[in-house]
N, C-alpha and C. Protein backbone atom coordinates (compact mmCIF):
# COMPACT_ATOMS: atom_id res chain seq x y z
N MET A 1 0.82 -1.20 -0.12
CA MET A 1 -0.07 0.12 -0.01
C MET A 1 0.88 1.01 -0.36
N LYS A 2 1.94 1.29 0.95
CA LYS A 2 3.06 2.60 0.97
C LYS A 2 3.76 2.68 0.06
N LYS A 3 3.94 1.25 -1.11
CA LYS A 3 4.51 1.70 -2.16
C LYS A 3 3.78 2.06 -3.43
N ALA A 4 2.54 1.65 -3.60
CA ALA A 4 1.28 2.13 -4.43
C ALA A 4 0.98 3.56 -4.08
N MET A 5 1.04 4.52 -2.85
CA MET A 5 1.00 5.74 -2.12
C MET A 5 2.14 6.56 -3.21
N MET A 6 3.35 5.87 -3.07
CA MET A 6 4.18 6.23 -3.46
C MET A 6 4.31 6.52 -4.49
N ASN A 7 3.98 5.35 -5.42
CA ASN A 7 4.05 5.67 -7.44
C ASN A 7 3.02 6.65 -7.35
N TRP A 8 1.76 7.05 -6.90
CA TRP A 8 0.88 7.57 -7.12
C TRP A 8 1.58 9.41 -7.21
N ALA A 9 1.38 9.41 -5.89
CA ALA A 9 2.35 10.82 -5.49
C ALA A 9 3.47 11.07 -6.74
N GLU A 10 4.24 10.23 -7.14
CA GLU A 10 5.46 10.98 -7.91
C GLU A 10 4.57 10.95 -9.27
N LYS A 11 3.72 10.17 -9.56
CA LYS A 11 3.14 10.69 -11.06
C LYS A 11 2.32 12.12 -10.50
N MET A 12 1.35 12.20 -9.93
CA MET A 12 1.15 13.31 -9.77
C MET A 12 1.76 14.61 -9.70
N MET A 13 2.84 14.53 -9.28
CA MET A 13 4.30 15.79 -9.04
C MET A 13 4.76 15.63 -10.41
N LEU A 14 5.25 14.61 -11.31
CA LEU A 14 5.67 15.08 -12.24
C LEU A 14 4.30 15.27 -13.41
N ALA A 15 2.91 14.84 -12.80
CA ALA A 15 1.94 15.80 -14.07
C ALA A 15 2.11 17.67 -14.00
N ALA A 16 2.02 18.04 -12.55
CA ALA A 16 1.84 19.07 -11.88
C ALA A 16 3.59 19.66 -12.54
N HIS A 17 4.74 19.40 -12.46
CA HIS A 17 5.72 19.83 -13.06
C HIS A 17 5.36 19.89 -14.75
N LYS A 18 5.35 19.19 -15.25
CA LYS A 18 5.04 18.89 -16.53
C LYS A 18 4.15 20.41 -17.08
N ALA A 19 3.08 20.37 -16.18
CA ALA A 19 2.15 21.60 -16.54
C ALA A 19 2.78 22.85 -15.96
N ALA A 20 3.55 23.14 -15.21
CA ALA A 20 3.58 24.34 -14.94
C ALA A 20 4.93 24.99 -15.79
N ASN A 21 5.78 23.36 -16.45
CA ASN A 21 6.38 23.93 -17.55
C ASN A 21 6.00 24.26 -18.74
N ARG A 22 4.60 23.62 -18.74
CA ARG A 22 3.97 24.56 -19.94
C ARG A 22 3.90 25.91 -20.28
N TYR A 23 2.91 25.90 -18.85
CA TYR A 23 2.89 27.58 -18.63
C TYR A 23 3.76 28.52 -18.64
N GLN A 24 4.57 28.60 -17.96
CA GLN A 24 6.60 29.03 -17.78
C GLN A 24 6.29 29.83 -19.54
N ALA A 25 6.67 28.42 -20.30
CA ALA A 25 6.87 28.56 -21.82
C ALA A 25 5.99 29.57 -21.70
N VAL A 26 4.88 29.13 -22.30
CA VAL A 26 3.86 29.70 -22.88
C VAL A 26 4.27 31.72 -22.70
N MET A 27 3.88 31.61 -21.14
CA MET A 27 4.28 32.80 -20.57
C MET A 27 5.46 33.72 -21.03
N GLN A 28 5.81 33.24 -21.62
CA GLN A 28 7.50 33.73 -21.82
C GLN A 28 7.43 34.00 -23.21
N GLN A 29 6.29 33.27 -24.10
CA GLN A 29 6.44 33.99 -25.78
C GLN A 29 5.23 35.08 -25.18
N GLU A 30 4.70 34.84 -24.52
CA GLU A 30 3.52 35.79 -24.69
C GLU A 30 3.97 36.92 -23.12
N LYS A 31 4.99 37.76 -23.24
CA LYS A 31 5.13 38.50 -21.95
C LYS A 31 4.43 39.72 -22.29
N ASP A 32 3.58 40.15 -23.45
CA ASP A 32 2.79 41.71 -23.35
C ASP A 32 0.75 41.16 -23.17
N LEU A 33 0.94 40.20 -22.81
CA LEU A 33 -0.79 40.02 -22.29
C LEU A 33 -1.13 40.51 -21.48
N PRO A 34 -2.73 41.37 -21.49
CA PRO A 34 -3.40 41.77 -20.46
C PRO A 34 -3.67 40.97 -19.40
N LEU A 35 -3.94 41.37 -18.47
CA LEU A 35 -3.77 40.10 -16.81
C LEU A 35 -5.12 39.52 -16.58
N ALA A 36 -5.72 39.50 -17.79
CA ALA A 36 -7.01 38.60 -17.89
C ALA A 36 -6.68 37.76 -18.94
N LYS A 37 -5.94 37.98 -19.66
CA LYS A 37 -5.25 36.89 -20.79
C LYS A 37 -4.39 36.07 -20.23
N LYS A 38 -3.73 36.74 -19.00
CA LYS A 38 -2.43 35.78 -18.57
C LYS A 38 -3.39 35.15 -17.74
N ASN A 39 -4.51 35.47 -16.43
CA ASN A 39 -5.54 34.65 -16.04
C ASN A 39 -5.40 33.31 -16.78
N MET A 40 -6.66 33.31 -18.26
CA MET A 40 -6.97 32.72 -18.91
C MET A 40 -5.92 31.74 -18.82
N LEU A 41 -4.45 31.60 -19.21
CA LEU A 41 -3.42 31.02 -19.92
C LEU A 41 -3.36 29.89 -18.11
N TYR A 42 -3.63 30.59 -16.94
CA TYR A 42 -2.95 29.98 -15.95
C TYR A 42 -4.11 29.21 -15.41
N GLY A 43 -5.25 29.51 -16.12
CA GLY A 43 -6.40 28.49 -15.78
C GLY A 43 -6.48 27.05 -16.61
N ARG A 44 -6.10 27.31 -18.11
CA ARG A 44 -5.59 26.38 -19.18
C ARG A 44 -4.48 25.29 -18.93
N TYR A 45 -2.94 26.14 -18.01
CA TYR A 45 -2.03 25.16 -18.35
C TYR A 45 -2.09 24.56 -17.10
N LEU A 46 -2.90 25.31 -15.50
CA LEU A 46 -1.91 24.83 -14.92
C LEU A 46 -3.56 23.83 -13.33
N LYS A 47 -4.53 23.31 -14.27
CA LYS A 47 -5.51 23.12 -14.02
C LYS A 47 -5.07 21.92 -13.42
N ASP A 48 -4.13 20.66 -13.83
CA ASP A 48 -3.62 19.89 -13.24
C ASP A 48 -2.81 19.71 -11.79
N MET A 49 -1.97 21.05 -11.94
CA MET A 49 -1.04 21.35 -10.40
C MET A 49 -2.34 22.57 -9.76
N ASP A 50 -3.43 22.68 -9.88
CA ASP A 50 -4.28 22.60 -8.65
C ASP A 50 -4.89 21.59 -8.40
N GLU A 51 -5.49 20.68 -9.05
CA GLU A 51 -5.94 19.16 -8.81
C GLU A 51 -5.01 18.95 -7.70
N VAL A 52 -3.89 18.73 -7.95
CA VAL A 52 -2.98 18.02 -7.16
C VAL A 52 -3.05 18.25 -6.12
N LEU A 53 -2.64 19.95 -6.26
CA LEU A 53 -2.44 20.66 -4.70
C LEU A 53 -3.88 20.82 -4.03
């Protein structure tokens, strides 16, 4: 059971890390966006990270 929980936690952390990396890459390309558009990008790319937390 402990090993299964460790595997699950590792998968969730990996998914969150990938989502954060995608978000950071897009934000570097789109530096001149208004705040509302930035918030929309946050909602689009970091849903996985919010679910993990």
